[in-house]
Amino acid sequence: TDFSGSLFRNADLDGANFYGANLSNADLSGAVMDSADLTRADLRGANLQNANLQNTELTNTKYDRDTKWPQNFDPETAGAILLTMSK
């Protein structure tokens, strides 16, 4: 499913299923995503600042250096994969 560029600011997304979804450049700032499934989702350029990612599944989720995470959140520990461009 393509949600690229979508606005989910402060949305209640408890338990949402975004498995494999394209959320690139989406605004998820302040969203409540407790127990959401973001497995294999594309979060490149997404804004997740101040989002509640408690119990959120992030296994094999793609992100890049432009992805904004909540303060003190470690996406790699949560299972997300940093994509870098090679020249």
PDB file of N, CA and C in Angstrom:
ATOM      1  N   THR A   1       0.841  -1.178   0.000  1.00  0.00           N
ATOM      2  CA  THR A   1       0.000   0.000   0.000  1.00  0.00           C
ATOM      3  C   THR A   1       0.886   1.242   0.000  1.00  0.00           C
ATOM      4  N   ASP A   2       0.526   2.231  -0.760  1.00  0.00           N
ATOM      5  CA  ASP A   2       1.326   3.444  -0.896  1.00  0.00           C
ATOM      6  C   ASP A   2       0.723   4.584  -0.079  1.00  0.00           C
ATOM      7  N   PHE A   3       1.409   4.896   1.039  1.00  0.00           N
ATOM      8  CA  PHE A   3       1.028   6.025   1.885  1.00  0.00           C
ATOM      9  C   PHE A   3       2.117   7.098   1.841  1.00  0.00           C
ATOM     10  N   SER A   4       2.954   7.076   0.809  1.00  0.00           N
ATOM     11  CA  SER A   4       4.057   8.029   0.736  1.00  0.00           C
ATOM     12  C   SER A   4       3.521   9.458   0.778  1.00  0.00           C
ATOM     13  N   GLY A   5       4.159  10.272   1.607  1.00  0.00           N
ATOM     14  CA  GLY A   5       3.765  11.672   1.742  1.00  0.00           C
ATOM     15  C   GLY A   5       2.489  11.920   2.525  1.00  0.00           C
ATOM     16  N   SER A   6       1.889  10.876   3.072  1.00  0.00           N
ATOM     17  CA  SER A   6       0.623  11.038   3.815  1.00  0.00           C
ATOM     18  C   SER A   6       0.819  11.759   5.140  1.00  0.00           C
ATOM     19  N   LEU A   7      -0.239  12.387   5.620  1.00  0.00           N
ATOM     20  CA  LEU A   7      -0.218  13.091   6.895  1.00  0.00           C
ATOM     21  C   LEU A   7      -0.959  12.267   7.942  1.00  0.00           C
ATOM     22  N   PHE A   8      -0.202  11.747   8.906  1.00  0.00           N
ATOM     23  CA  PHE A   8      -0.767  10.990  10.020  1.00  0.00           C
ATOM     24  C   PHE A   8      -0.401  11.672  11.337  1.00  0.00           C
ATOM     25  N   ARG A   9      -0.155  12.968  11.300  1.00  0.00           N
ATOM     26  CA  ARG A   9       0.275  13.718  12.478  1.00  0.00           C
ATOM     27  C   ARG A   9      -0.745  13.554  13.605  1.00  0.00           C
ATOM     28  N   ASN A  10      -0.243  13.110  14.778  1.00  0.00           N
ATOM     29  CA  ASN A  10      -1.046  12.918  15.996  1.00  0.00           C
ATOM     30  C   ASN A  10      -2.181  11.903  15.826  1.00  0.00           C
ATOM     31  N   ALA A  11      -2.095  11.041  14.825  1.00  0.00           N
ATOM     32  CA  ALA A  11      -3.150  10.049  14.581  1.00  0.00           C
ATOM     33  C   ALA A  11      -3.083   8.903  15.587  1.00  0.00           C
ATOM     34  N   ASP A  12      -4.217   8.302  15.857  1.00  0.00           N
ATOM     35  CA  ASP A  12      -4.289   7.112  16.705  1.00  0.00           C
ATOM     36  C   ASP A  12      -4.182   5.907  15.782  1.00  0.00           C
ATOM     37  N   LEU A  13      -3.000   5.301  15.754  1.00  0.00           N
ATOM     38  CA  LEU A  13      -2.740   4.162  14.873  1.00  0.00           C
ATOM     39  C   LEU A  13      -2.403   2.917  15.694  1.00  0.00           C
ATOM     40  N   ASP A  14      -2.979   2.820  16.894  1.00  0.00           N
ATOM     41  CA  ASP A  14      -2.769   1.646  17.745  1.00  0.00           C
ATOM     42  C   ASP A  14      -3.102   0.379  16.969  1.00  0.00           C
ATOM     43  N   GLY A  15      -2.138  -0.545  16.924  1.00  0.00           N
ATOM     44  CA  GLY A  15      -2.376  -1.836  16.298  1.00  0.00           C
ATOM     45  C   GLY A  15      -2.523  -1.810  14.784  1.00  0.00           C
ATOM     46  N   ALA A  16      -2.201  -0.689  14.147  1.00  0.00           N
ATOM     47  CA  ALA A  16      -2.349  -0.581  12.692  1.00  0.00           C
ATOM     48  C   ALA A  16      -1.421  -1.566  11.974  1.00  0.00           C
ATOM     49  N   ASN A  17      -1.874  -2.061  10.828  1.00  0.00           N
ATOM     50  CA  ASN A  17      -1.077  -2.982  10.037  1.00  0.00           C
ATOM     51  C   ASN A  17      -0.534  -2.244   8.812  1.00  0.00           C
ATOM     52  N   PHE A  18       0.750  -1.888   8.877  1.00  0.00           N
ATOM     53  CA  PHE A  18       1.430  -1.236   7.761  1.00  0.00           C
ATOM     54  C   PHE A  18       2.500  -2.168   7.189  1.00  0.00           C
ATOM     55  N   TYR A  19       2.287  -3.471   7.270  1.00  0.00           N
ATOM     56  CA  TYR A  19       3.252  -4.449   6.781  1.00  0.00           C
ATOM     57  C   TYR A  19       3.572  -4.164   5.315  1.00  0.00           C
ATOM     58  N   GLY A  20       4.851  -3.904   5.030  1.00  0.00           N
ATOM     59  CA  GLY A  20       5.301  -3.666   3.671  1.00  0.00           C
ATOM     60  C   GLY A  20       4.830  -2.375   3.036  1.00  0.00           C
ATOM     61  N   ALA A  21       4.211  -1.501   3.803  1.00  0.00           N
ATOM     62  CA  ALA A  21       3.661  -0.251   3.252  1.00  0.00           C
ATOM     63  C   ALA A  21       4.759   0.751   2.911  1.00  0.00           C
ATOM     64  N   ASN A  22       4.482   1.577   1.921  1.00  0.00           N
ATOM     65  CA  ASN A  22       5.361   2.678   1.569  1.00  0.00           C
ATOM     66  C   ASN A  22       4.901   3.900   2.363  1.00  0.00           C
ATOM     67  N   LEU A  23       5.681   4.240   3.408  1.00  0.00           N
ATOM     68  CA  LEU A  23       5.409   5.408   4.237  1.00  0.00           C
ATOM     69  C   LEU A  23       6.510   6.452   4.060  1.00  0.00           C
ATOM     70  N   SER A  24       7.216   6.378   2.934  1.00  0.00           N
ATOM     71  CA  SER A  24       8.294   7.326   2.705  1.00  0.00           C
ATOM     72  C   SER A  24       7.740   8.753   2.695  1.00  0.00           C
ATOM     73  N   ASN A  25       8.476   9.624   3.355  1.00  0.00           N
ATOM     74  CA  ASN A  25       8.129  11.044   3.464  1.00  0.00           C
ATOM     75  C   ASN A  25       6.782  11.304   4.128  1.00  0.00           C
ATOM     76  N   ALA A  26       6.237  10.315   4.827  1.00  0.00           N
ATOM     77  CA  ALA A  26       4.978  10.509   5.561  1.00  0.00           C
ATOM     78  C   ALA A  26       5.242  11.265   6.856  1.00  0.00           C
ATOM     79  N   ASP A  27       4.280  12.036   7.305  1.00  0.00           N
ATOM     80  CA  ASP A  27       4.376  12.744   8.582  1.00  0.00           C
ATOM     81  C   ASP A  27       3.599  11.945   9.625  1.00  0.00           C
ATOM     82  N   LEU A  28       4.349  11.239  10.468  1.00  0.00           N
ATOM     83  CA  LEU A  28       3.778  10.433  11.548  1.00  0.00           C
ATOM     84  C   LEU A  28       4.126  11.050  12.898  1.00  0.00           C
ATOM     85  N   SER A  29       4.500  12.325  12.903  1.00  0.00           N
ATOM     86  CA  SER A  29       4.910  12.976  14.149  1.00  0.00           C
ATOM     87  C   SER A  29       3.762  12.985  15.152  1.00  0.00           C
ATOM     88  N   GLY A  30       4.074  12.563  16.360  1.00  0.00           N
ATOM     89  CA  GLY A  30       3.089  12.555  17.425  1.00  0.00           C
ATOM     90  C   GLY A  30       2.066  11.431  17.336  1.00  0.00           C
ATOM     91  N   ALA A  31       2.180  10.566  16.331  1.00  0.00           N
ATOM     92  CA  ALA A  31       1.216   9.470  16.178  1.00  0.00           C
ATOM     93  C   ALA A  31       1.388   8.448  17.297  1.00  0.00           C
ATOM     94  N   VAL A  32       0.285   7.859  17.710  1.00  0.00           N
ATOM     95  CA  VAL A  32       0.302   6.780  18.700  1.00  0.00           C
ATOM     96  C   VAL A  32       0.246   5.481  17.913  1.00  0.00           C
ATOM     97  N   MET A  33       1.368   4.748  17.908  1.00  0.00           N
ATOM     98  CA  MET A  33       1.481   3.545  17.093  1.00  0.00           C
ATOM     99  C   MET A  33       1.770   2.320  17.956  1.00  0.00           C
ATOM    100  N   ASP A  34       1.219   2.291  19.155  1.00  0.00           N
ATOM    101  CA  ASP A  34       1.446   1.179  20.073  1.00  0.00           C
ATOM    102  C   ASP A  34       1.003  -0.129  19.408  1.00  0.00           C
ATOM    103  N   SER A  35       1.918  -1.084  19.353  1.00  0.00           N
ATOM    104  CA  SER A  35       1.669  -2.423  18.793  1.00  0.00           C
ATOM    105  C   SER A  35       1.332  -2.415  17.306  1.00  0.00           C
ATOM    106  N   ALA A  36       1.720  -1.377  16.584  1.00  0.00           N
ATOM    107  CA  ALA A  36       1.527  -1.347  15.132  1.00  0.00           C
ATOM    108  C   ALA A  36       2.556  -2.262  14.466  1.00  0.00           C
ATOM    109  N   ASP A  37       2.225  -2.760  13.280  1.00  0.00           N
ATOM    110  CA  ASP A  37       3.134  -3.614  12.518  1.00  0.00           C
ATOM    111  C   ASP A  37       3.676  -2.837  11.329  1.00  0.00           C
ATOM    112  N   LEU A  38       4.963  -2.485  11.410  1.00  0.00           N
ATOM    113  CA  LEU A  38       5.645  -1.788  10.321  1.00  0.00           C
ATOM    114  C   LEU A  38       6.707  -2.680   9.684  1.00  0.00           C
ATOM    115  N   THR A  39       6.577  -3.985   9.846  1.00  0.00           N
ATOM    116  CA  THR A  39       7.521  -4.920   9.256  1.00  0.00           C
ATOM    117  C   THR A  39       7.655  -4.659   7.761  1.00  0.00           C
ATOM    118  N   ARG A  40       8.904  -4.555   7.296  1.00  0.00           N
ATOM    119  CA  ARG A  40       9.229  -4.347   5.874  1.00  0.00           C
ATOM    120  C   ARG A  40       8.658  -3.058   5.276  1.00  0.00           C
ATOM    121  N   ALA A  41       8.216  -2.143   6.112  1.00  0.00           N
ATOM    122  CA  ALA A  41       7.713  -0.861   5.612  1.00  0.00           C
ATOM    123  C   ALA A  41       8.875   0.019   5.154  1.00  0.00           C
ATOM    124  N   ASP A  42       8.587   0.996   4.342  1.00  0.00           N
ATOM    125  CA  ASP A  42       9.571   1.959   3.859  1.00  0.00           C
ATOM    126  C   ASP A  42       9.336   3.277   4.587  1.00  0.00           C
ATOM    127  N   LEU A  43      10.272   3.627   5.481  1.00  0.00           N
ATOM    128  CA  LEU A  43      10.161   4.869   6.258  1.00  0.00           C
ATOM    129  C   LEU A  43      11.206   5.899   5.833  1.00  0.00           C
ATOM    130  N   ARG A  44      11.742   5.761   4.631  1.00  0.00           N
ATOM    131  CA  ARG A  44      12.749   6.729   4.190  1.00  0.00           C
ATOM    132  C   ARG A  44      12.138   8.130   4.138  1.00  0.00           C
ATOM    133  N   GLY A  45      12.778   9.061   4.849  1.00  0.00           N
ATOM    134  CA  GLY A  45      12.331  10.444   4.871  1.00  0.00           C
ATOM    135  C   GLY A  45      11.115  10.715   5.729  1.00  0.00           C
ATOM    136  N   ALA A  46      10.604   9.695   6.415  1.00  0.00           N
ATOM    137  CA  ALA A  46       9.408   9.879   7.259  1.00  0.00           C
ATOM    138  C   ALA A  46       9.744  10.638   8.539  1.00  0.00           C
ATOM    139  N   ASN A  47       8.760  11.337   9.077  1.00  0.00           N
ATOM    140  CA  ASN A  47       8.911  12.068  10.334  1.00  0.00           C
ATOM    141  C   ASN A  47       8.127  11.333  11.423  1.00  0.00           C
ATOM    142  N   LEU A  48       8.869  10.726  12.371  1.00  0.00           N
ATOM    143  CA  LEU A  48       8.254  10.017  13.486  1.00  0.00           C
ATOM    144  C   LEU A  48       8.580  10.699  14.820  1.00  0.00           C
ATOM    145  N   GLN A  49       8.979  11.970  14.771  1.00  0.00           N
ATOM    146  CA  GLN A  49       9.308  12.678  16.008  1.00  0.00           C
ATOM    147  C   GLN A  49       8.101  12.688  16.937  1.00  0.00           C
ATOM    148  N   ASN A  50       8.353  12.426  18.204  1.00  0.00           N
ATOM    149  CA  ASN A  50       7.335  12.403  19.255  1.00  0.00           C
ATOM    150  C   ASN A  50       6.267  11.327  19.046  1.00  0.00           C
ATOM    151  N   ALA A  51       6.508  10.378  18.152  1.00  0.00           N
ATOM    152  CA  ALA A  51       5.563   9.270  17.967  1.00  0.00           C
ATOM    153  C   ALA A  51       5.743   8.257  19.092  1.00  0.00           C
ATOM    154  N   ASN A  52       4.662   7.580  19.453  1.00  0.00           N
ATOM    155  CA  ASN A  52       4.717   6.497  20.433  1.00  0.00           C
ATOM    156  C   ASN A  52       4.921   5.206  19.658  1.00  0.00           C
ATOM    157  N   LEU A  53       6.129   4.636  19.760  1.00  0.00           N
ATOM    158  CA  LEU A  53       6.458   3.414  19.045  1.00  0.00           C
ATOM    159  C   LEU A  53       6.569   2.223  19.991  1.00  0.00           C
ATOM    160  N   GLN A  54       5.914   2.311  21.129  1.00  0.00           N
ATOM    161  CA  GLN A  54       5.961   1.226  22.099  1.00  0.00           C
ATOM    162  C   GLN A  54       5.368  -0.041  21.487  1.00  0.00           C
ATOM    163  N   ASN A  55       6.116  -1.128  21.565  1.00  0.00           N
ATOM    164  CA  ASN A  55       5.706  -2.439  21.046  1.00  0.00           C
ATOM    165  C   ASN A  55       5.471  -2.449  19.536  1.00  0.00           C
ATOM    166  N   THR A  56       5.956  -1.443  18.826  1.00  0.00           N
ATOM    167  CA  THR A  56       5.804  -1.396  17.374  1.00  0.00           C
ATOM    168  C   THR A  56       6.811  -2.331  16.728  1.00  0.00           C
ATOM    169  N   GLU A  57       6.353  -3.132  15.778  1.00  0.00           N
ATOM    170  CA  GLU A  57       7.220  -4.088  15.078  1.00  0.00           C
ATOM    171  C   GLU A  57       7.898  -3.380  13.910  1.00  0.00           C
ATOM    172  N   LEU A  58       9.248  -3.327  13.959  1.00  0.00           N
ATOM    173  CA  LEU A  58      10.014  -2.630  12.939  1.00  0.00           C
ATOM    174  C   LEU A  58      11.020  -3.551  12.236  1.00  0.00           C
ATOM    175  N   THR A  59      10.821  -4.851  12.295  1.00  0.00           N
ATOM    176  CA  THR A  59      11.752  -5.790  11.682  1.00  0.00           C
ATOM    177  C   THR A  59      11.842  -5.564  10.176  1.00  0.00           C
ATOM    178  N   ASN A  60      13.082  -5.387   9.703  1.00  0.00           N
ATOM    179  CA  ASN A  60      13.369  -5.170   8.276  1.00  0.00           C
ATOM    180  C   ASN A  60      12.694  -3.939   7.692  1.00  0.00           C
ATOM    181  N   THR A  61      12.346  -2.994   8.531  1.00  0.00           N
ATOM    182  CA  THR A  61      11.811  -1.724   8.061  1.00  0.00           C
ATOM    183  C   THR A  61      12.970  -0.887   7.525  1.00  0.00           C
ATOM    184  N   LYS A  62      12.790  -0.270   6.365  1.00  0.00           N
ATOM    185  CA  LYS A  62      13.845   0.526   5.752  1.00  0.00           C
ATOM    186  C   LYS A  62      13.705   1.985   6.168  1.00  0.00           C
ATOM    187  N   TYR A  63      14.860   2.599   6.448  1.00  0.00           N
ATOM    188  CA  TYR A  63      14.886   4.034   6.721  1.00  0.00           C
ATOM    189  C   TYR A  63      16.183   4.608   6.202  1.00  0.00           C
ATOM    190  N   ASP A  64      16.270   5.920   6.142  1.00  0.00           N
ATOM    191  CA  ASP A  64      17.510   6.563   5.705  1.00  0.00           C
ATOM    192  C   ASP A  64      17.879   7.687   6.657  1.00  0.00           C
ATOM    193  N   ARG A  65      18.906   8.404   6.291  1.00  0.00           N
ATOM    194  CA  ARG A  65      19.400   9.481   7.175  1.00  0.00           C
ATOM    195  C   ARG A  65      18.409  10.630   7.300  1.00  0.00           C
ATOM    196  N   ASP A  66      17.430  10.706   6.428  1.00  0.00           N
ATOM    197  CA  ASP A  66      16.417  11.764   6.498  1.00  0.00           C
ATOM    198  C   ASP A  66      15.226  11.382   7.373  1.00  0.00           C
ATOM    199  N   THR A  67      15.169  10.130   7.803  1.00  0.00           N
ATOM    200  CA  THR A  67      14.085   9.689   8.687  1.00  0.00           C
ATOM    201  C   THR A  67      14.286  10.314  10.062  1.00  0.00           C
ATOM    202  N   LYS A  68      13.232  10.876  10.605  1.00  0.00           N
ATOM    203  CA  LYS A  68      13.307  11.517  11.929  1.00  0.00           C
ATOM    204  C   LYS A  68      12.607  10.622  12.937  1.00  0.00           C
ATOM    205  N   TRP A  69      13.352  10.188  13.963  1.00  0.00           N
ATOM    206  CA  TRP A  69      12.846   9.280  14.993  1.00  0.00           C
ATOM    207  C   TRP A  69      12.579  10.018  16.291  1.00  0.00           C
ATOM    208  N   PRO A  70      11.803   9.433  17.194  1.00  0.00           N
ATOM    209  CA  PRO A  70      11.628  10.040  18.520  1.00  0.00           C
ATOM    210  C   PRO A  70      12.984  10.149  19.223  1.00  0.00           C
ATOM    211  N   GLN A  71      13.105  11.130  20.071  1.00  0.00           N
ATOM    212  CA  GLN A  71      14.344  11.342  20.815  1.00  0.00           C
ATOM    213  C   GLN A  71      14.698  10.071  21.584  1.00  0.00           C
ATOM    214  N   ASN A  72      15.984   9.702  21.538  1.00  0.00           N
ATOM    215  CA  ASN A  72      16.549   8.546  22.234  1.00  0.00           C
ATOM    216  C   ASN A  72      16.026   7.205  21.728  1.00  0.00           C
ATOM    217  N   PHE A  73      15.435   7.169  20.548  1.00  0.00           N
ATOM    218  CA  PHE A  73      14.959   5.914  19.967  1.00  0.00           C
ATOM    219  C   PHE A  73      16.039   5.366  19.042  1.00  0.00           C
ATOM    220  N   ASP A  74      16.353   4.082  19.170  1.00  0.00           N
ATOM    221  CA  ASP A  74      17.367   3.443  18.337  1.00  0.00           C
ATOM    222  C   ASP A  74      16.688   2.486  17.358  1.00  0.00           C
ATOM    223  N   PRO A  75      16.523   2.898  16.103  1.00  0.00           N
ATOM    224  CA  PRO A  75      15.811   2.064  15.142  1.00  0.00           C
ATOM    225  C   PRO A  75      16.510   0.739  14.837  1.00  0.00           C
ATOM    226  N   GLU A  76      17.841   0.727  14.859  1.00  0.00           N
ATOM    227  CA  GLU A  76      18.552  -0.517  14.568  1.00  0.00           C
ATOM    228  C   GLU A  76      18.310  -1.557  15.650  1.00  0.00           C
ATOM    229  N   THR A  77      18.261  -1.136  16.904  1.00  0.00           N
ATOM    230  CA  THR A  77      17.957  -2.058  17.989  1.00  0.00           C
ATOM    231  C   THR A  77      16.543  -2.622  17.820  1.00  0.00           C
ATOM    232  N   ALA A  78      15.649  -1.840  17.244  1.00  0.00           N
ATOM    233  CA  ALA A  78      14.268  -2.272  17.017  1.00  0.00           C
ATOM    234  C   ALA A  78      14.131  -3.153  15.774  1.00  0.00           C
ATOM    235  N   GLY A  79      15.218  -3.320  15.012  1.00  0.00           N
ATOM    236  CA  GLY A  79      15.199  -4.195  13.849  1.00  0.00           C
ATOM    237  C   GLY A  79      15.144  -3.504  12.506  1.00  0.00           C
ATOM    238  N   ALA A  80      15.138  -2.165  12.494  1.00  0.00           N
ATOM    239  CA  ALA A  80      15.083  -1.419  11.240  1.00  0.00           C
ATOM    240  C   ALA A  80      16.458  -1.412  10.563  1.00  0.00           C
ATOM    241  N   ILE A  81      16.451  -1.205   9.268  1.00  0.00           N
ATOM    242  CA  ILE A  81      17.673  -1.255   8.473  1.00  0.00           C
ATOM    243  C   ILE A  81      17.931   0.106   7.837  1.00  0.00           C
ATOM    244  N   LEU A  82      19.118   0.661   8.130  1.00  0.00           N
ATOM    245  CA  LEU A  82      19.509   1.949   7.546  1.00  0.00           C
ATOM    246  C   LEU A  82      19.996   1.729   6.113  1.00  0.00           C
ATOM    247  N   LEU A  83      19.374   2.414   5.166  1.00  0.00           N
ATOM    248  CA  LEU A  83      19.808   2.370   3.770  1.00  0.00           C
ATOM    249  C   LEU A  83      20.676   3.578   3.496  1.00  0.00           C
ATOM    250  N   THR A  84      21.816   3.344   2.906  1.00  0.00           N
ATOM    251  CA  THR A  84      22.718   4.442   2.548  1.00  0.00           C
ATOM    252  C   THR A  84      22.968   4.358   1.056  1.00  0.00           C
ATOM    253  N   MET A  85      23.138   5.496   0.456  1.00  0.00           N
ATOM    254  CA  MET A  85      23.423   5.527  -0.971  1.00  0.00           C
ATOM    255  C   MET A  85      24.916   5.403  -1.164  1.00  0.00           C
ATOM    256  N   SER A  86      25.317   4.553  -2.081  1.00  0.00           N
ATOM    257  CA  SER A  86      26.738   4.434  -2.400  1.00  0.00           C
ATOM    258  C   SER A  86      27.022   5.186  -3.690  1.00  0.00           C
ATOM    259  N   LYS A  87      28.204   5.756  -3.756  1.00  0.00           N
ATOM    260  CA  LYS A  87      28.566   6.537  -4.951  1.00  0.00           C
ATOM    261  C   LYS A  87      29.574   5.780  -5.771  1.00  0.00           C
TER     262      LYS A  87
END
